[in-house]
Amino acid sequence: MSPSDDGWIDEDAGPVARHYTVTGGRTRPLGDRQFDLIDIVWATGAAPRRGFFPGPEHQRLLELCQRPTVVADLTAAIGLPLGLVRVLLGDLLYEDLIGASRQANRVTDRRLLQKVLDGLNAL
């Protein structure tokens, strides 16, 4: 097999930086807010301050938050792991670049949750 038969070309590999480099190795956001999948977030329209320079991932989240959006949808749209999105959202909230609210209508019906779990297991 020659190197040209490898089928793996550098351009096809995409970004090679690991996810933790996006947050500088942090696993927790700047603030103390923990985000649930069903929390709603939105951009406030405020300008960055305190020497905060939003990275490309922060910018993308701000674009996606131009209208209220749940964290689960943001995670799917940006294509990053949930833990990383939570850190990035926490950074943005700490800087007052987004607002967030907890979803009041949480599902607590155990029968409904069991049906959802059974359906997922059946896949």
C-alpha atoms as a PDB file:
ATOM      1  CA  MET A   1       0.000   0.000   0.000  1.00  0.00           C
ATOM      2  CA  SER A   2       1.511   3.302  -1.023  1.00  0.00           C
ATOM      3  CA  PRO A   3       0.995   6.542   0.948  1.00  0.00           C
ATOM      4  CA  SER A   4      -1.277   7.805  -1.817  1.00  0.00           C
ATOM      5  CA  ASP A   5      -3.598   4.823  -1.296  1.00  0.00           C
ATOM      6  CA  ASP A   6      -4.170   5.706   2.341  1.00  0.00           C
ATOM      7  CA  GLY A   7      -7.413   7.561   1.601  1.00  0.00           C
ATOM      8  CA  TRP A   8      -6.894   9.921   4.542  1.00  0.00           C
ATOM      9  CA  ILE A   9      -5.939  13.385   3.412  1.00  0.00           C
ATOM     10  CA  ASP A  10      -5.123  16.145   5.877  1.00  0.00           C
ATOM     11  CA  GLU A  11      -7.853  18.399   4.525  1.00  0.00           C
ATOM     12  CA  ASP A  12     -10.428  15.672   5.246  1.00  0.00           C
ATOM     13  CA  ALA A  13      -9.411  15.377   8.881  1.00  0.00           C
ATOM     14  CA  GLY A  14     -10.991  18.664   9.938  1.00  0.00           C
ATOM     15  CA  PRO A  15      -9.957  20.489  13.092  1.00  0.00           C
ATOM     16  CA  VAL A  16      -7.486  18.529  15.171  1.00  0.00           C
ATOM     17  CA  ALA A  17      -7.605  20.622  18.362  1.00  0.00           C
ATOM     18  CA  ARG A  18      -9.157  18.733  21.230  1.00  0.00           C
ATOM     19  CA  HIS A  19     -12.298  20.167  22.793  1.00  0.00           C
ATOM     20  CA  TYR A  20     -10.610  21.151  26.032  1.00  0.00           C
ATOM     21  CA  THR A  21      -8.456  23.658  24.186  1.00  0.00           C
ATOM     22  CA  VAL A  22     -11.602  25.643  23.352  1.00  0.00           C
ATOM     23  CA  THR A  23     -12.045  26.410  27.060  1.00  0.00           C
ATOM     24  CA  GLY A  24      -8.367  26.590  27.928  1.00  0.00           C
ATOM     25  CA  GLY A  25      -8.641  23.290  29.769  1.00  0.00           C
ATOM     26  CA  ARG A  26     -11.492  24.473  32.005  1.00  0.00           C
ATOM     27  CA  THR A  27     -14.322  22.090  32.788  1.00  0.00           C
ATOM     28  CA  ARG A  28     -16.357  24.702  34.655  1.00  0.00           C
ATOM     29  CA  PRO A  29     -17.654  28.073  33.422  1.00  0.00           C
ATOM     30  CA  LEU A  30     -16.510  31.412  34.811  1.00  0.00           C
ATOM     31  CA  GLY A  31     -19.762  31.755  36.776  1.00  0.00           C
ATOM     32  CA  ASP A  32     -21.497  29.254  39.021  1.00  0.00           C
ATOM     33  CA  ARG A  33     -24.607  28.666  36.878  1.00  0.00           C
ATOM     34  CA  GLN A  34     -25.267  25.087  35.803  1.00  0.00           C
ATOM     35  CA  PHE A  35     -27.323  24.647  32.623  1.00  0.00           C
ATOM     36  CA  ASP A  36     -29.932  21.944  32.107  1.00  0.00           C
ATOM     37  CA  LEU A  37     -30.806  20.656  28.652  1.00  0.00           C
ATOM     38  CA  ILE A  38     -34.173  22.402  28.730  1.00  0.00           C
ATOM     39  CA  ASP A  39     -32.988  25.788  30.018  1.00  0.00           C
ATOM     40  CA  ILE A  40     -33.741  28.653  27.653  1.00  0.00           C
ATOM     41  CA  VAL A  41     -30.983  31.090  26.667  1.00  0.00           C
ATOM     42  CA  TRP A  42     -30.972  34.250  24.553  1.00  0.00           C
ATOM     43  CA  ALA A  43     -28.481  36.906  23.493  1.00  0.00           C
ATOM     44  CA  THR A  44     -28.739  40.166  25.418  1.00  0.00           C
ATOM     45  CA  GLY A  45     -27.101  42.286  22.735  1.00  0.00           C
ATOM     46  CA  ALA A  46     -24.550  43.615  25.243  1.00  0.00           C
ATOM     47  CA  ALA A  47     -20.956  44.184  24.197  1.00  0.00           C
ATOM     48  CA  PRO A  48     -18.148  42.101  25.743  1.00  0.00           C
ATOM     49  CA  ARG A  49     -16.442  43.728  28.714  1.00  0.00           C
ATOM     50  CA  ARG A  50     -13.853  43.045  31.415  1.00  0.00           C
ATOM     51  CA  GLY A  51     -11.269  42.108  28.822  1.00  0.00           C
ATOM     52  CA  PHE A  52     -13.334  39.145  27.648  1.00  0.00           C
ATOM     53  CA  PHE A  53     -12.624  38.186  24.052  1.00  0.00           C
ATOM     54  CA  PRO A  54     -15.245  35.694  22.799  1.00  0.00           C
ATOM     55  CA  GLY A  55     -13.735  32.875  20.768  1.00  0.00           C
ATOM     56  CA  PRO A  56     -15.298  31.487  17.586  1.00  0.00           C
ATOM     57  CA  GLU A  57     -17.400  29.007  19.564  1.00  0.00           C
ATOM     58  CA  HIS A  58     -18.699  31.781  21.837  1.00  0.00           C
ATOM     59  CA  GLN A  59     -19.531  33.847  18.747  1.00  0.00           C
ATOM     60  CA  ARG A  60     -21.384  30.937  17.149  1.00  0.00           C
ATOM     61  CA  LEU A  61     -23.449  30.420  20.306  1.00  0.00           C
ATOM     62  CA  LEU A  62     -24.290  34.130  20.382  1.00  0.00           C
ATOM     63  CA  GLU A  63     -25.478  33.905  16.763  1.00  0.00           C
ATOM     64  CA  LEU A  64     -27.661  30.914  17.620  1.00  0.00           C
ATOM     65  CA  CYS A  65     -29.097  32.737  20.653  1.00  0.00           C
ATOM     66  CA  GLN A  66     -30.522  35.682  18.708  1.00  0.00           C
ATOM     67  CA  ARG A  67     -33.885  34.235  19.638  1.00  0.00           C
ATOM     68  CA  PRO A  68     -34.633  32.200  22.777  1.00  0.00           C
ATOM     69  CA  THR A  69     -33.324  28.662  22.332  1.00  0.00           C
ATOM     70  CA  VAL A  70     -33.053  25.630  24.610  1.00  0.00           C
ATOM     71  CA  VAL A  71     -29.604  24.329  25.509  1.00  0.00           C
ATOM     72  CA  ALA A  72     -30.282  20.962  23.849  1.00  0.00           C
ATOM     73  CA  ASP A  73     -30.937  22.664  20.505  1.00  0.00           C
ATOM     74  CA  LEU A  74     -27.807  24.795  20.836  1.00  0.00           C
ATOM     75  CA  THR A  75     -25.724  21.719  21.561  1.00  0.00           C
ATOM     76  CA  ALA A  76     -27.078  19.941  18.494  1.00  0.00           C
ATOM     77  CA  ALA A  77     -26.630  22.985  16.259  1.00  0.00           C
ATOM     78  CA  ILE A  78     -23.058  23.743  17.267  1.00  0.00           C
ATOM     79  CA  GLY A  79     -21.907  20.116  17.185  1.00  0.00           C
ATOM     80  CA  LEU A  80     -19.902  20.226  20.409  1.00  0.00           C
ATOM     81  CA  PRO A  81     -20.262  18.062  23.525  1.00  0.00           C
ATOM     82  CA  LEU A  82     -22.833  19.189  26.087  1.00  0.00           C
ATOM     83  CA  GLY A  83     -20.236  19.717  28.812  1.00  0.00           C
ATOM     84  CA  LEU A  84     -18.264  22.057  26.585  1.00  0.00           C
ATOM     85  CA  VAL A  85     -21.392  23.991  25.568  1.00  0.00           C
ATOM     86  CA  ARG A  86     -22.297  24.392  29.241  1.00  0.00           C
ATOM     87  CA  VAL A  87     -18.881  25.919  29.969  1.00  0.00           C
ATOM     88  CA  LEU A  88     -19.149  28.283  26.999  1.00  0.00           C
ATOM     89  CA  LEU A  89     -22.689  29.328  27.945  1.00  0.00           C
ATOM     90  CA  GLY A  90     -21.577  29.919  31.523  1.00  0.00           C
ATOM     91  CA  ASP A  91     -18.822  32.189  30.259  1.00  0.00           C
ATOM     92  CA  LEU A  92     -21.308  34.158  28.168  1.00  0.00           C
ATOM     93  CA  LEU A  93     -23.742  34.443  31.066  1.00  0.00           C
ATOM     94  CA  TYR A  94     -20.965  35.618  33.402  1.00  0.00           C
ATOM     95  CA  GLU A  95     -20.166  38.339  30.885  1.00  0.00           C
ATOM     96  CA  ASP A  96     -23.878  39.292  30.581  1.00  0.00           C
ATOM     97  CA  LEU A  97     -23.838  38.459  26.871  1.00  0.00           C
ATOM     98  CA  ILE A  98     -26.730  36.022  27.275  1.00  0.00           C
ATOM     99  CA  GLY A  99     -29.711  35.651  29.557  1.00  0.00           C
ATOM    100  CA  ALA A 100     -30.987  32.323  30.827  1.00  0.00           C
ATOM    101  CA  SER A 101     -34.071  30.947  32.524  1.00  0.00           C
ATOM    102  CA  ARG A 102     -34.909  27.586  33.938  1.00  0.00           C
ATOM    103  CA  GLN A 103     -37.807  25.826  32.318  1.00  0.00           C
ATOM    104  CA  ALA A 104     -40.675  25.864  34.829  1.00  0.00           C
ATOM    105  CA  ASN A 105     -42.613  23.027  33.237  1.00  0.00           C
ATOM    106  CA  ARG A 106     -40.223  20.202  34.023  1.00  0.00           C
ATOM    107  CA  VAL A 107     -41.494  16.721  33.293  1.00  0.00           C
ATOM    108  CA  THR A 108     -41.959  14.838  36.564  1.00  0.00           C
ATOM    109  CA  ASP A 109     -44.473  12.183  35.503  1.00  0.00           C
ATOM    110  CA  ARG A 110     -42.547   8.940  36.111  1.00  0.00           C
ATOM    111  CA  ARG A 111     -44.836   6.964  33.769  1.00  0.00           C
ATOM    112  CA  LEU A 112     -44.153   9.372  30.907  1.00  0.00           C
ATOM    113  CA  LEU A 113     -40.422   9.308  31.572  1.00  0.00           C
ATOM    114  CA  GLN A 114     -40.476   5.482  31.639  1.00  0.00           C
ATOM    115  CA  LYS A 115     -42.283   5.429  28.278  1.00  0.00           C
ATOM    116  CA  VAL A 116     -39.655   7.722  26.797  1.00  0.00           C
ATOM    117  CA  LEU A 117     -36.880   5.519  28.193  1.00  0.00           C
ATOM    118  CA  ASP A 118     -38.571   2.384  26.870  1.00  0.00           C
ATOM    119  CA  GLY A 119     -38.895   3.996  23.440  1.00  0.00           C
ATOM    120  CA  LEU A 120     -35.230   4.960  23.391  1.00  0.00           C
ATOM    121  CA  ASN A 121     -34.191   1.487  24.458  1.00  0.00           C
ATOM    122  CA  ALA A 122     -36.289   0.013  21.651  1.00  0.00           C
ATOM    123  CA  LEU A 123     -34.281   1.915  19.020  1.00  0.00           C
END
